[in-house]
Amino acid sequence: MDRPDVALLERLATPEGRDLLAALPPYDESATLRLTADLRAQGHDADLVSAALTQSRLRAAATARFGARAADLLLTQDGLEQATRPEVSRRRAERFRSSGVDHVLDLGCGLGLDSLALAEAGLRVTAVERDPAVAAAARANLASFPTAQVLVGDATDRGLVPMSGADGVFLDPARRTPGVADRRGRTRRVFRLGDLSPSWDTVLDVSNRVAVSAAKLSPGFPHAHLPSGCEAEWVSLDGSVLECTIWWGAGVRSPGRRAVVGPRPHPGHTDVRWVEVEAPAPAPERIEDKPPGSDAAAEPDLHPYLAEPDRAVLAAGRVDALTSRTGGREVDSGVGYVTAPTVVPLPWARWYAVQDHLPLQAKVVRGWLRERGFTRVTLKKRGVTLDPDRFRTELRLKGGRRGGDQGADPSKEAVLVLTRVAGRPSAIAVQPLQT
């Protein structure tokens, strides 16, 4: 993976570079050779043209995440892959602002997009990035905010906090290996806290030396490593878990773990109505609900409805919030699916009507599907060690994923949840509900 050239990124931020970028047509890979030749014929040098076309490609890739703003950003491949979604950055910036800080030190600022949200929220920002090329891109992205400055420096430098005078710190430790690609061509990820850059120890050290601090970490952040008195938010948008943010100091509103779920009102809207899912208040035990000799084993394995919480709720370990709100229970410890007697509409849970409960055996499930004329099947798996593709093959549905039997409705599709119920591998046939 090629490293960006700092001098070229700086040239792209000049009037000459901005004019060249503005003149480029929408990115089209098949037209790059001809466009390169045309731009060279107009007198632009080869290196600047190459850098501009790289920016055009990155901006096209960034449009899905950043919308129209992508056309004004300078980007790098590594920086784009780790950049925060703007909706999440804005929410975090508002939390910093409401906590009473005035000046935030953004350590490891990358392309400066979190700093951009902080500056837009009215905060002073000192952004620090150790890679000079990425810092050049961040400087260009923050150029319209006189209250924001970008420094080339090392986030592990203990002198940065007192030097900046900041009363808040934001850290986004690198969770990828710069310049090293995986087999899909994306920057290789790191997953252990010990592999973060700056290290987890540095994050802890810095976060305890200011009034308010926050660190953006992987959604796989282990619960056991949450420092005492801190607040952890697992954030999802449109069903995808994006990050775990840890808050220290005056930024903590309620210590512990919560999910923050951002469903959009409907396609095309940019507003996000964030919903916070916290631990439920413990309900008083009512003795009359447990007559002598009764226990949970006497209840049916499954109630009429099945609820699937948002992935952020699962990552935060807050399935208890779903069981408390529905009067239901997890079908088996740790799988996340909740069986409930009634449907309780929640913006962070998907509901299904239970049609049947089968043992997780291909022969039994195949017979059930064929008896009802199903020719296609959607498989949802959690909590069982089973290869869904192999299981699908063993079902031997003549319609497979797309087709249908002679005379059967090709659109008739079953939904099967492959999981554990009361400790037993099971296939739950369900019907999705609109709530």
Protein backbone atom coordinates (compact mmCIF):
# COMPACT_ATOMS: atom_id res chain seq x y z
CA MET A 1 0.00 0.00 0.00
CA ASP A 2 1.55 3.31 -1.12
CA ARG A 3 2.26 6.00 1.47
CA PRO A 4 0.94 9.50 0.70
CA ASP A 5 3.46 12.20 -0.14
CA VAL A 6 3.33 15.17 2.23
CA ALA A 7 4.53 17.69 -0.36
CA LEU A 8 1.83 16.63 -2.84
CA LEU A 9 -0.91 16.80 -0.21
CA GLU A 10 0.27 20.28 0.71
CA ARG A 11 0.19 21.29 -2.97
CA LEU A 12 -3.38 20.00 -3.26
CA ALA A 13 -4.34 22.39 -0.46
CA THR A 14 -3.01 25.40 -2.41
CA PRO A 15 -5.21 27.37 -4.83
CA GLU A 16 -3.55 25.51 -7.72
CA GLY A 17 -4.40 22.14 -6.21
CA ARG A 18 -7.94 23.11 -5.19
CA ASP A 19 -8.66 24.41 -8.69
CA LEU A 20 -7.39 21.17 -10.22
CA LEU A 21 -9.53 19.05 -7.88
CA ALA A 22 -12.60 21.21 -8.55
CA ALA A 23 -12.16 20.78 -12.31
CA LEU A 24 -12.13 16.97 -12.21
CA PRO A 25 -15.19 15.10 -13.46
CA PRO A 26 -16.85 12.43 -11.29
CA TYR A 27 -14.38 9.62 -10.72
CA ASP A 28 -14.39 6.88 -13.35
CA GLU A 29 -11.63 4.28 -13.15
CA SER A 30 -11.95 3.43 -16.85
CA ALA A 31 -11.36 7.06 -17.86
CA THR A 32 -8.27 7.78 -15.72
CA LEU A 33 -5.66 7.15 -18.44
CA ARG A 34 -7.32 9.48 -20.90
CA LEU A 35 -7.99 12.09 -18.23
CA THR A 36 -4.37 11.93 -17.11
CA ALA A 37 -3.21 12.59 -20.66
CA ASP A 38 -5.64 15.51 -21.06
CA LEU A 39 -4.50 17.12 -17.81
CA ARG A 40 -0.85 16.70 -18.73
CA ALA A 41 -1.56 18.35 -22.09
CA GLN A 42 -3.07 21.30 -20.20
CA GLY A 43 0.28 21.83 -18.48
CA HIS A 44 -0.25 20.11 -15.11
CA ASP A 45 2.72 18.07 -13.91
CA ALA A 46 2.42 14.29 -13.67
CA ASP A 47 2.85 13.98 -9.89
CA LEU A 48 0.17 16.55 -9.08
CA VAL A 49 -2.23 14.96 -11.58
CA SER A 50 -1.66 11.54 -10.02
CA ALA A 51 -2.26 12.91 -6.52
CA ALA A 52 -5.42 14.70 -7.64
CA LEU A 53 -6.83 11.54 -9.23
CA THR A 54 -6.06 9.62 -6.07
CA GLN A 55 -8.04 12.21 -4.13
CA SER A 56 -10.88 11.91 -6.64
CA ARG A 57 -10.99 8.14 -6.09
CA LEU A 58 -10.90 8.49 -2.30
CA ARG A 59 -13.58 11.16 -2.31
CA ALA A 60 -15.84 8.95 -4.41
CA ALA A 61 -15.34 6.14 -1.88
CA ALA A 62 -16.02 8.55 1.01
CA THR A 63 -19.29 9.90 -0.35
CA ALA A 64 -21.38 7.09 1.14
CA ARG A 65 -20.05 7.98 4.60
CA PHE A 66 -19.63 11.76 4.42
CA GLY A 67 -22.11 12.80 1.75
CA ALA A 68 -21.47 16.04 -0.11
CA ARG A 69 -18.78 17.02 2.40
CA ALA A 70 -16.46 14.37 0.90
CA ALA A 71 -15.89 16.68 -2.08
CA ASP A 72 -14.12 19.20 0.19
CA LEU A 73 -11.86 16.83 2.13
CA LEU A 74 -8.27 15.77 1.64
CA LEU A 75 -8.02 12.05 2.37
CA THR A 76 -5.62 9.15 2.71
CA GLN A 77 -6.55 5.49 2.35
CA ASP A 78 -5.52 4.58 5.91
CA GLY A 79 -7.21 7.66 7.35
CA LEU A 80 -10.46 7.07 5.48
CA GLU A 81 -10.73 3.49 6.72
CA GLN A 82 -10.50 4.59 10.36
CA ALA A 83 -12.44 7.85 10.07
CA THR A 84 -15.44 8.27 12.35
CA ARG A 85 -18.89 8.61 10.81
CA PRO A 86 -19.82 12.32 10.96
CA GLU A 87 -23.06 11.64 12.86
CA VAL A 88 -21.06 9.92 15.62
CA SER A 89 -18.42 12.67 15.67
CA ARG A 90 -21.11 15.33 16.08
CA ARG A 91 -22.74 13.50 18.98
CA ARG A 92 -19.40 13.07 20.74
CA ALA A 93 -18.50 16.74 20.18
CA GLU A 94 -21.77 17.78 21.78
CA ARG A 95 -20.97 15.61 24.80
CA PHE A 96 -17.62 17.37 25.14
CA ARG A 97 -19.28 20.77 24.84
CA SER A 98 -22.02 19.97 27.35
CA SER A 99 -19.41 18.69 29.85
CA GLY A 100 -18.10 22.24 30.17
CA VAL A 101 -14.72 21.97 28.44
CA ASP A 102 -13.43 24.80 26.26
CA HIS A 103 -10.34 23.35 24.59
CA VAL A 104 -9.91 19.75 23.39
CA LEU A 105 -6.59 18.11 22.59
CA ASP A 106 -7.19 15.56 19.81
CA LEU A 107 -4.33 13.07 20.10
CA GLY A 108 -3.86 10.98 16.98
CA CYS A 109 -6.24 13.15 14.99
CA GLY A 110 -5.82 11.33 11.67
CA LEU A 111 -7.54 13.31 8.94
CA GLY A 112 -8.94 15.74 11.51
CA LEU A 113 -12.57 14.78 11.04
CA ASP A 114 -13.30 14.41 14.77
CA SER A 115 -11.51 17.71 15.29
CA LEU A 116 -13.76 19.18 12.62
CA ALA A 117 -16.86 18.19 14.60
CA LEU A 118 -15.33 19.60 17.80
CA ALA A 119 -14.57 22.90 16.06
CA GLU A 120 -18.07 23.05 14.59
CA ALA A 121 -19.43 22.61 18.14
CA GLY A 122 -17.64 25.83 19.10
CA LEU A 123 -14.64 24.31 20.90
CA ARG A 124 -10.99 25.21 20.52
CA VAL A 125 -9.01 22.29 19.17
CA THR A 126 -5.36 21.31 19.14
CA ALA A 127 -5.01 18.30 16.85
CA VAL A 128 -1.86 16.18 16.97
CA GLU A 129 -0.81 13.66 14.31
CA ARG A 130 2.56 11.95 14.03
CA ASP A 131 2.39 11.23 10.27
CA PRO A 132 3.35 14.47 8.46
CA ALA A 133 1.32 13.57 5.35
CA VAL A 134 -1.84 12.80 7.32
CA ALA A 135 -1.27 15.97 9.36
CA ALA A 136 -1.11 17.95 6.09
CA ALA A 137 -4.51 16.54 5.11
CA ALA A 138 -5.92 17.37 8.56
CA ARG A 139 -4.56 20.91 8.33
CA ALA A 140 -6.34 21.40 5.00
CA ASN A 141 -9.59 19.93 6.36
CA LEU A 142 -9.53 22.31 9.35
CA ALA A 143 -8.33 25.38 7.45
CA SER A 144 -11.64 27.24 7.75
CA PHE A 145 -11.56 27.12 11.58
CA PRO A 146 -9.14 29.64 13.12
CA THR A 147 -9.73 28.08 16.55
CA ALA A 148 -8.21 24.77 15.38
CA GLN A 149 -4.53 24.05 14.88
CA VAL A 150 -2.75 20.89 13.72
CA LEU A 151 0.64 19.86 15.08
CA VAL A 152 2.97 17.08 13.98
CA GLY A 153 3.81 15.21 17.16
CA ASP A 154 3.72 11.98 19.11
CA ALA A 155 0.61 11.29 21.20
CA THR A 156 2.80 9.62 23.84
CA ASP A 157 4.58 12.91 24.59
CA ARG A 158 3.56 13.71 28.17
CA GLY A 159 4.31 17.39 27.58
CA LEU A 160 1.46 17.82 25.09
CA VAL A 161 -1.29 18.20 27.69
CA PRO A 162 0.29 21.04 29.67
CA MET A 163 1.71 22.65 26.52
CA SER A 164 -1.70 22.82 24.84
CA GLY A 165 -3.54 24.11 27.92
CA ALA A 166 -6.47 21.88 26.98
CA ASP A 167 -9.02 20.84 29.60
CA GLY A 168 -10.32 17.97 27.48
CA VAL A 169 -8.64 15.16 25.52
CA PHE A 170 -9.91 12.92 22.75
CA LEU A 171 -7.87 9.87 21.78
CA ASP A 172 -8.39 7.68 18.73
CA PRO A 173 -5.65 5.05 18.98
CA ALA A 174 -4.76 3.49 15.63
CA ARG A 175 -6.34 0.06 15.27
CA ARG A 176 -4.76 -0.62 11.91
CA THR A 177 -1.19 -1.13 10.70
CA PRO A 178 -0.37 1.85 8.43
CA GLY A 179 0.85 0.86 4.99
CA VAL A 180 0.09 -2.86 5.48
CA ALA A 181 -2.87 -4.28 3.57
CA ASP A 182 -4.91 -7.40 4.25
CA ARG A 183 -6.00 -9.81 1.51
CA ARG A 184 -8.91 -7.53 0.60
CA GLY A 185 -6.60 -4.56 0.09
CA ARG A 186 -7.71 -2.76 3.26
CA THR A 187 -5.32 -1.63 5.96
CA ARG A 188 -4.66 -4.54 8.30
CA ARG A 189 -6.53 -4.32 11.61
CA VAL A 190 -5.21 -4.96 15.10
CA PHE A 191 -7.51 -6.37 17.75
CA ARG A 192 -5.61 -6.53 21.05
CA LEU A 193 -5.49 -3.58 23.45
CA GLY A 194 -1.74 -4.10 23.67
CA ASP A 195 -1.38 -3.43 19.93
CA LEU A 196 -3.04 0.00 19.96
CA SER A 197 -1.00 3.03 18.98
CA PRO A 198 -0.72 4.93 21.27
CA SER A 199 -0.92 2.09 23.78
CA TRP A 200 -3.76 1.44 26.21
CA ASP A 201 -1.42 2.43 29.05
CA THR A 202 -0.90 5.80 27.38
CA VAL A 203 -4.66 6.24 26.98
CA LEU A 204 -5.14 5.58 30.70
CA ASP A 205 -2.31 7.92 31.67
CA VAL A 206 -3.51 10.85 29.55
CA SER A 207 -7.16 10.40 30.45
CA ASN A 208 -6.47 10.81 34.14
CA ARG A 209 -4.66 14.15 33.69
CA VAL A 210 -7.50 16.31 32.33
CA ALA A 211 -11.03 17.25 33.38
CA VAL A 212 -12.77 15.35 30.57
CA SER A 213 -11.47 12.71 28.22
CA ALA A 214 -12.83 10.18 25.76
CA ALA A 215 -11.22 7.39 23.74
CA LYS A 216 -12.59 5.80 20.60
CA LEU A 217 -11.94 2.05 20.65
CA SER A 218 -12.96 -1.08 18.82
CA PRO A 219 -16.49 -2.49 19.32
CA GLY A 220 -14.70 -5.59 20.59
CA PHE A 221 -13.43 -3.73 23.67
CA PRO A 222 -13.48 -6.28 26.54
CA HIS A 223 -15.85 -5.39 29.36
CA ALA A 224 -13.37 -6.53 31.99
CA HIS A 225 -10.96 -3.74 30.99
CA LEU A 226 -13.41 -0.88 31.63
CA PRO A 227 -11.75 1.25 34.33
CA SER A 228 -13.70 1.79 37.53
CA GLY A 229 -15.92 4.88 37.46
CA CYS A 230 -15.78 5.20 33.66
CA GLU A 231 -18.60 5.07 31.15
CA ALA A 232 -18.52 2.93 28.01
CA GLU A 233 -20.80 3.48 25.03
CA TRP A 234 -21.11 0.97 22.22
CA VAL A 235 -22.39 2.99 19.27
CA SER A 236 -24.31 1.63 16.29
CA LEU A 237 -25.80 3.36 13.26
CA ASP A 238 -28.28 1.67 10.94
CA GLY A 239 -27.55 -1.68 12.55
CA SER A 240 -23.74 -1.59 12.30
CA VAL A 241 -21.68 -1.32 15.50
CA LEU A 242 -19.07 1.35 14.79
CA GLU A 243 -17.07 1.85 17.97
CA CYS A 244 -16.86 1.78 21.74
CA THR A 245 -16.24 5.15 23.36
CA ILE A 246 -14.87 5.30 26.92
CA TRP A 247 -15.46 8.49 28.98
CA TRP A 248 -13.45 9.68 31.98
CA GLY A 249 -13.79 12.51 34.50
CA ALA A 250 -16.57 15.07 34.22
CA GLY A 251 -17.59 13.53 30.90
CA VAL A 252 -19.05 10.53 32.73
CA ARG A 253 -22.81 10.81 33.16
CA SER A 254 -23.45 7.33 34.53
CA PRO A 255 -20.64 4.82 35.10
CA GLY A 256 -20.97 1.45 33.43
CA ARG A 257 -21.91 0.04 30.04
CA ARG A 258 -24.62 1.21 27.66
CA ALA A 259 -25.57 0.91 24.02
CA VAL A 260 -26.21 3.98 21.87
CA VAL A 261 -28.37 3.13 18.88
CA GLY A 262 -28.93 5.47 15.96
CA PRO A 263 -31.78 4.40 13.68
CA ARG A 264 -32.61 6.96 11.00
CA PRO A 265 -36.24 8.16 10.68
CA HIS A 266 -36.36 6.87 7.09
CA PRO A 267 -34.04 6.58 4.06
CA GLY A 268 -32.63 9.87 2.86
CA HIS A 269 -32.72 11.62 6.25
CA THR A 270 -29.49 12.73 7.82
CA ASP A 271 -30.95 13.38 11.28
CA VAL A 272 -30.27 10.65 13.79
CA ARG A 273 -32.44 10.14 16.85
CA TRP A 274 -30.02 8.50 19.22
CA VAL A 275 -31.45 6.07 21.76
CA GLU A 276 -29.46 5.10 24.84
CA VAL A 277 -29.96 1.61 26.22
CA GLU A 278 -28.78 1.24 29.80
CA ALA A 279 -28.97 -1.36 32.52
CA PRO A 280 -32.52 -1.66 33.86
CA ALA A 281 -33.37 -0.75 37.40
CA PRO A 282 -33.70 -3.92 39.46
CA ALA A 283 -37.34 -4.87 39.89
CA PRO A 284 -38.51 -5.98 43.34
CA GLU A 285 -39.08 -9.70 43.52
CA ARG A 286 -42.74 -10.58 43.92
CA ILE A 287 -43.15 -13.78 45.92
CA GLU A 288 -46.68 -14.33 44.65
CA ASP A 289 -45.33 -14.77 41.13
CA LYS A 290 -43.52 -17.93 42.26
CA PRO A 291 -45.92 -20.41 43.80
CA PRO A 292 -44.40 -23.30 45.75
CA GLY A 293 -42.67 -25.86 43.57
CA SER A 294 -42.53 -23.61 40.49
CA ASP A 295 -39.36 -22.51 38.72
CA ALA A 296 -38.21 -21.20 35.35
CA ALA A 297 -38.01 -24.75 33.97
CA ALA A 298 -41.79 -25.01 34.20
CA GLU A 299 -42.20 -22.20 31.70
CA PRO A 300 -42.49 -22.97 27.97
CA ASP A 301 -39.19 -23.06 26.10
CA LEU A 302 -40.44 -20.31 23.83
CA HIS A 303 -43.13 -17.66 24.10
CA PRO A 304 -45.05 -16.61 20.94
CA TYR A 305 -42.54 -13.88 20.04
CA LEU A 306 -38.78 -13.59 19.57
CA ALA A 307 -36.84 -10.32 19.87
CA GLU A 308 -33.39 -9.65 18.42
CA PRO A 309 -31.61 -6.65 19.96
CA ASP A 310 -29.45 -4.22 17.99
CA ARG A 311 -25.83 -5.31 17.70
CA ALA A 312 -24.70 -2.46 19.96
CA VAL A 313 -26.95 -3.82 22.71
CA LEU A 314 -25.27 -7.21 22.31
CA ALA A 315 -21.77 -5.69 22.27
CA ALA A 316 -22.53 -3.69 25.43
CA GLY A 317 -23.91 -6.76 27.20
CA ARG A 318 -27.25 -5.03 27.75
CA VAL A 319 -29.65 -7.82 26.76
CA ASP A 320 -30.98 -7.39 30.30
CA ALA A 321 -32.50 -4.09 29.14
CA LEU A 322 -34.56 -6.03 26.59
CA THR A 323 -35.69 -8.76 28.97
CA SER A 324 -36.75 -6.20 31.59
CA ARG A 325 -38.78 -4.16 29.10
CA THR A 326 -40.55 -7.14 27.55
CA GLY A 327 -41.08 -9.42 30.50
CA GLY A 328 -39.20 -12.03 28.49
CA ARG A 329 -36.01 -14.00 28.94
CA GLU A 330 -32.98 -14.95 26.90
CA VAL A 331 -33.58 -18.25 25.09
CA ASP A 332 -30.21 -19.40 26.42
CA SER A 333 -27.46 -17.63 28.31
CA GLY A 334 -25.29 -15.47 26.06
CA VAL A 335 -27.08 -15.94 22.72
CA GLY A 336 -28.89 -12.58 22.77
CA TYR A 337 -32.28 -13.67 21.42
CA VAL A 338 -35.15 -12.99 23.82
CA THR A 339 -38.42 -14.90 23.96
CA ALA A 340 -41.38 -12.80 25.11
CA PRO A 341 -45.13 -13.20 25.61
CA THR A 342 -46.02 -9.95 23.84
CA VAL A 343 -44.46 -7.52 21.35
CA VAL A 344 -43.05 -4.32 22.83
CA PRO A 345 -42.06 -1.90 20.04
CA LEU A 346 -38.51 -0.64 20.60
CA PRO A 347 -36.28 1.22 18.13
CA TRP A 348 -33.38 -1.07 19.03
CA ALA A 349 -35.01 -4.48 18.69
CA ARG A 350 -36.38 -6.51 15.79
CA TRP A 351 -39.38 -8.74 16.40
CA TYR A 352 -40.48 -12.10 15.02
CA ALA A 353 -43.52 -14.32 15.52
CA VAL A 354 -42.47 -17.84 16.44
CA GLN A 355 -43.89 -20.43 14.04
CA ASP A 356 -42.19 -23.56 15.29
CA HIS A 357 -39.29 -24.86 17.36
CA LEU A 358 -37.26 -27.71 15.87
CA PRO A 359 -34.14 -29.62 16.86
CA LEU A 360 -31.10 -28.45 14.91
CA GLN A 361 -31.00 -31.46 12.61
CA ALA A 362 -30.92 -31.01 8.84
CA LYS A 363 -33.25 -33.97 8.19
CA VAL A 364 -35.92 -32.67 10.58
CA VAL A 365 -35.69 -29.10 9.32
CA ARG A 366 -35.72 -30.26 5.67
CA GLY A 367 -38.93 -32.19 6.24
CA TRP A 368 -40.56 -29.21 7.96
CA LEU A 369 -39.67 -26.88 5.07
CA ARG A 370 -40.80 -29.26 2.33
CA GLU A 371 -44.09 -30.03 4.06
CA ARG A 372 -44.91 -26.32 3.98
CA GLY A 373 -43.69 -25.68 0.44
CA PHE A 374 -40.76 -23.44 1.29
CA THR A 375 -38.23 -23.18 -1.53
CA ARG A 376 -35.88 -20.61 -0.04
CA VAL A 377 -34.51 -20.02 3.41
CA THR A 378 -32.78 -17.24 5.33
CA LEU A 379 -30.56 -18.48 8.13
CA LYS A 380 -29.68 -16.42 11.20
CA LYS A 381 -27.06 -18.02 13.46
CA ARG A 382 -25.80 -17.19 16.93
CA GLY A 383 -24.60 -19.37 19.76
CA VAL A 384 -24.04 -22.63 17.88
CA THR A 385 -20.93 -23.99 16.14
CA LEU A 386 -22.40 -24.69 12.74
CA ASP A 387 -21.48 -23.70 9.17
CA PRO A 388 -24.62 -22.03 7.74
CA ASP A 389 -23.60 -22.69 4.13
CA ARG A 390 -23.07 -26.37 4.80
CA PHE A 391 -26.36 -26.58 6.69
CA ARG A 392 -28.14 -24.88 3.77
CA THR A 393 -26.66 -27.46 1.40
CA GLU A 394 -27.85 -30.29 3.67
CA LEU A 395 -31.41 -28.92 3.49
CA ARG A 396 -31.38 -29.72 -0.25
CA LEU A 397 -34.06 -27.23 -1.17
CA LYS A 398 -34.60 -27.44 -4.93
CA GLY A 399 -35.12 -23.70 -5.12
CA GLY A 400 -31.82 -23.01 -3.31
CA ARG A 401 -31.42 -19.31 -2.62
CA ARG A 402 -33.26 -18.05 -5.66
CA GLY A 403 -35.35 -20.57 -7.54
CA GLY A 404 -38.43 -22.67 -6.75
CA ASP A 405 -39.95 -26.11 -7.18
CA GLN A 406 -42.34 -26.80 -10.07
CA GLY A 407 -45.66 -25.29 -9.07
CA ALA A 408 -44.30 -23.73 -5.85
CA ASP A 409 -44.24 -20.03 -5.12
CA PRO A 410 -40.58 -19.03 -5.76
CA SER A 411 -40.93 -16.09 -3.37
CA LYS A 412 -41.93 -18.29 -0.44
CA GLU A 413 -39.06 -18.01 1.98
CA ALA A 414 -38.61 -19.33 5.50
CA VAL A 415 -36.59 -17.58 8.19
CA LEU A 416 -34.76 -19.88 10.59
CA VAL A 417 -32.92 -18.79 13.72
CA LEU A 418 -30.18 -21.31 14.49
CA THR A 419 -29.28 -20.99 18.15
CA ARG A 420 -29.55 -22.65 21.55
CA VAL A 421 -32.81 -22.90 23.45
CA ALA A 422 -32.50 -23.95 27.09
CA GLY A 423 -29.11 -25.47 26.28
CA ARG A 424 -30.27 -27.39 23.21
CA PRO A 425 -29.15 -26.61 19.62
CA SER A 426 -32.36 -25.51 17.91
CA ALA A 427 -33.87 -24.13 14.74
CA ILE A 428 -36.61 -21.58 15.44
CA ALA A 429 -38.89 -20.90 12.48
CA VAL A 430 -40.00 -17.27 12.66
CA GLN A 431 -42.00 -14.68 10.73
CA PRO A 432 -40.56 -11.13 10.73
CA LEU A 433 -42.93 -8.51 12.13
CA GLN A 434 -43.25 -4.82 11.37
CA THR A 435 -43.28 -2.79 14.61
